[in-house]
Amino acid sequence: MSAPNADKPNEGIVGQISNSVKNAANYVSESVQGNASEASKEANKQQAKGNAGDTSLTGRASGALDAAGDKIDETKHNSAAKANKESI
């Protein structure tokens, strides 16, 4: 997770532009990672429902746990993306 680069008061134009570019790159990166986590979460939800290849109780439980972890990752990346977008 990338934290936004806070503008420093005596940084100058070049430093501010550099921070904006870094924040934009971090925003894109976090957005992509958030979307990947969301896709993984949905696939794991299907596994938890027994709609994927492994329909055993263990496989379904594993899918449910993985979906929960993916939801946490998705939220983390989306929050970081929002923070970076607001700092551009």
Protein backbone atom coordinates (compact mmCIF):
# COMPACT_ATOMS: atom_id res chain seq x y z
CA MET A 1 0.00 0.00 0.00
CA SER A 2 1.45 3.31 -1.03
CA ALA A 3 0.81 6.35 1.10
CA PRO A 4 0.33 9.66 -0.68
CA ASN A 5 3.29 11.96 -0.94
CA ALA A 6 2.41 15.04 1.08
CA ASP A 7 3.45 18.31 -0.47
CA LYS A 8 6.11 20.07 1.58
CA PRO A 9 5.84 23.86 1.95
CA ASN A 10 9.26 24.77 0.49
CA GLU A 11 9.46 22.04 -2.09
CA GLY A 12 9.04 24.10 -5.24
CA ILE A 13 7.22 23.43 -8.48
CA VAL A 14 9.44 20.52 -9.57
CA GLY A 15 8.92 18.73 -6.26
CA GLN A 16 5.19 19.26 -6.40
CA ILE A 17 5.03 17.93 -9.96
CA SER A 18 7.13 14.95 -8.94
CA ASN A 19 4.77 14.20 -6.06
CA SER A 20 1.74 14.51 -8.32
CA VAL A 21 3.25 12.08 -10.83
CA LYS A 22 4.11 9.61 -8.06
CA ASN A 23 0.62 9.90 -6.60
CA ALA A 24 -0.93 9.33 -10.02
CA ALA A 25 1.20 6.22 -10.57
CA ASN A 26 0.35 4.93 -7.10
CA TYR A 27 -3.35 5.58 -7.75
CA VAL A 28 -3.26 3.48 -10.92
CA SER A 29 -1.31 0.71 -9.21
CA GLU A 30 -3.64 0.55 -6.21
CA SER A 31 -6.71 0.65 -8.47
CA VAL A 32 -5.44 -2.30 -10.50
CA GLN A 33 -4.60 -4.26 -7.35
CA GLY A 34 -8.05 -3.49 -5.92
CA ASN A 35 -9.72 -4.74 -9.09
CA ALA A 36 -7.62 -7.93 -9.03
CA SER A 37 -8.61 -8.54 -5.40
CA GLU A 38 -12.25 -8.03 -6.30
CA ALA A 39 -12.04 -10.57 -9.14
CA SER A 40 -10.31 -13.09 -6.87
CA LYS A 41 -12.94 -12.49 -4.18
CA GLU A 42 -15.75 -13.25 -6.63
CA ALA A 43 -14.04 -16.46 -7.80
CA ASN A 44 -13.54 -17.56 -4.20
CA LYS A 45 -17.18 -16.79 -3.40
CA GLN A 46 -18.19 -19.16 -6.19
CA GLN A 47 -15.90 -21.82 -4.73
CA ALA A 48 -17.45 -21.27 -1.29
CA LYS A 49 -20.89 -21.81 -2.82
CA GLY A 50 -19.69 -25.07 -4.36
CA ASN A 51 -19.94 -23.73 -7.92
CA ALA A 52 -16.24 -24.24 -8.68
CA GLY A 53 -14.18 -27.42 -9.12
CA ASP A 54 -13.66 -28.35 -5.45
CA THR A 55 -17.05 -28.99 -3.84
CA SER A 56 -15.70 -30.67 -0.70
CA LEU A 57 -16.41 -29.06 2.65
CA THR A 58 -12.72 -28.17 3.02
CA GLY A 59 -12.58 -26.63 -0.44
CA ARG A 60 -15.69 -24.59 0.20
CA ALA A 61 -14.39 -23.40 3.58
CA SER A 62 -11.08 -22.47 1.97
CA GLY A 63 -12.94 -20.46 -0.69
CA ALA A 64 -14.89 -18.60 1.99
CA LEU A 65 -11.73 -17.73 3.94
CA ASP A 66 -9.92 -16.66 0.79
CA ALA A 67 -12.89 -14.49 -0.24
CA ALA A 68 -12.80 -12.76 3.15
CA GLY A 69 -9.06 -12.10 2.79
CA ASP A 70 -9.57 -10.78 -0.73
CA LYS A 71 -12.28 -8.41 0.54
CA ILE A 72 -9.81 -7.00 3.10
CA ASP A 73 -7.18 -6.56 0.36
CA GLU A 74 -9.74 -4.96 -1.96
CA THR A 75 -10.76 -2.45 0.72
CA LYS A 76 -7.12 -1.66 1.57
CA HIS A 77 -6.16 -1.05 -2.07
CA ASN A 78 -9.26 0.99 -2.83
CA SER A 79 -8.64 3.18 0.23
CA ALA A 80 -5.03 3.74 -0.79
CA ALA A 81 -6.11 4.55 -4.35
CA LYS A 82 -8.60 7.11 -3.07
CA ALA A 83 -5.96 8.73 -0.85
CA ASN A 84 -3.52 8.94 -3.75
CA LYS A 85 -6.17 10.34 -6.09
CA GLU A 86 -7.02 13.08 -3.60
CA SER A 87 -3.32 13.97 -3.29
CA ILE A 88 -2.77 14.49 -7.02
